[in-house]
Amino acid sequence: MTPILKHRIVEVCNQKIAAKGTTVGLSFYAFFENKNTNPELLMEAATWWIETNRLDHFEKATKIKAMVEQL
């Protein structure tokens, strides 16, 4: 995982947890704007989420953050 994506995931997870609590769920789309401004990074996130880890569509932000921080 690139440092840019890793930083973005941790940052978004922190924001979501702060706003909605530790039970908040999210999908990999949460790390991107509604516009497809960076398709390479989006595909990297999708590959990590779907192919590498076989995660459900929605997962707890705390789980995702912990997984990424261990990389």
Protein backbone atom coordinates (compact mmCIF):
# COMPACT_ATOMS: atom_id res chain seq x y z
CA MET A 1 0.00 0.00 0.00
CA THR A 2 1.34 3.39 -0.93
CA PRO A 3 2.06 5.87 1.87
CA ILE A 4 -0.45 8.29 0.32
CA LEU A 5 -3.31 5.80 0.53
CA LYS A 6 -2.29 4.60 3.98
CA HIS A 7 -2.29 8.18 5.30
CA ARG A 8 -5.64 8.93 3.66
CA ILE A 9 -7.29 5.82 5.13
CA VAL A 10 -6.07 6.55 8.67
CA GLU A 11 -7.08 10.21 8.34
CA VAL A 12 -10.62 9.39 7.16
CA CYS A 13 -11.07 6.68 9.79
CA ASN A 14 -10.03 9.14 12.51
CA GLN A 15 -12.52 11.72 11.20
CA LYS A 16 -15.39 9.24 11.02
CA ILE A 17 -14.65 7.80 14.47
CA ALA A 18 -14.46 11.30 15.98
CA ALA A 19 -17.74 12.32 14.36
CA LYS A 20 -19.82 9.16 14.80
CA GLY A 21 -18.11 6.98 17.41
CA THR A 22 -16.25 3.71 17.41
CA THR A 23 -19.08 1.70 15.86
CA VAL A 24 -19.16 3.68 12.61
CA GLY A 25 -18.86 1.61 9.46
CA LEU A 26 -17.50 2.64 6.10
CA SER A 27 -16.66 1.32 2.66
CA PHE A 28 -13.52 1.98 0.65
CA TYR A 29 -15.43 4.69 -1.22
CA ALA A 30 -15.28 6.79 1.97
CA PHE A 31 -11.63 7.57 1.21
CA PHE A 32 -12.48 9.39 -2.02
CA GLU A 33 -14.54 12.30 -3.27
CA ASN A 34 -17.68 11.64 -5.29
CA LYS A 35 -15.67 12.43 -8.41
CA ASN A 36 -13.19 9.93 -9.75
CA THR A 37 -10.20 12.27 -9.56
CA ASN A 38 -7.59 9.58 -8.91
CA PRO A 39 -8.57 6.25 -10.52
CA GLU A 40 -5.22 4.60 -9.74
CA LEU A 41 -5.57 5.26 -6.01
CA LEU A 42 -9.21 4.17 -6.08
CA MET A 43 -8.22 0.87 -7.71
CA GLU A 44 -5.43 0.38 -5.19
CA ALA A 45 -7.93 0.80 -2.35
CA ALA A 46 -10.48 -1.48 -4.04
CA THR A 47 -7.88 -4.18 -4.64
CA TRP A 48 -6.66 -4.03 -1.03
CA TRP A 49 -10.23 -4.05 0.32
CA ILE A 50 -11.84 -6.62 -1.99
CA GLU A 51 -9.17 -8.91 -3.40
CA THR A 52 -6.45 -8.85 -0.75
CA ASN A 53 -8.56 -8.83 2.41
CA ARG A 54 -11.99 -9.97 1.15
CA LEU A 55 -13.73 -7.44 3.39
CA ASP A 56 -17.49 -6.87 3.44
CA HIS A 57 -18.86 -3.77 1.73
CA PHE A 58 -19.07 -1.99 5.09
CA GLU A 59 -16.56 -2.53 7.88
CA LYS A 60 -15.95 -0.75 11.17
CA ALA A 61 -13.58 2.19 10.82
CA THR A 62 -11.66 1.01 13.89
CA LYS A 63 -10.97 -2.35 12.21
CA ILE A 64 -9.78 -0.77 8.96
CA LYS A 65 -7.58 1.72 10.78
CA ALA A 66 -5.94 -1.04 12.83
CA MET A 67 -5.33 -3.16 9.72
CA VAL A 68 -3.70 -0.27 7.85
CA GLU A 69 -1.56 0.81 10.78
CA GLN A 70 -0.10 -2.71 10.94
CA LEU A 71 1.15 -2.51 7.34
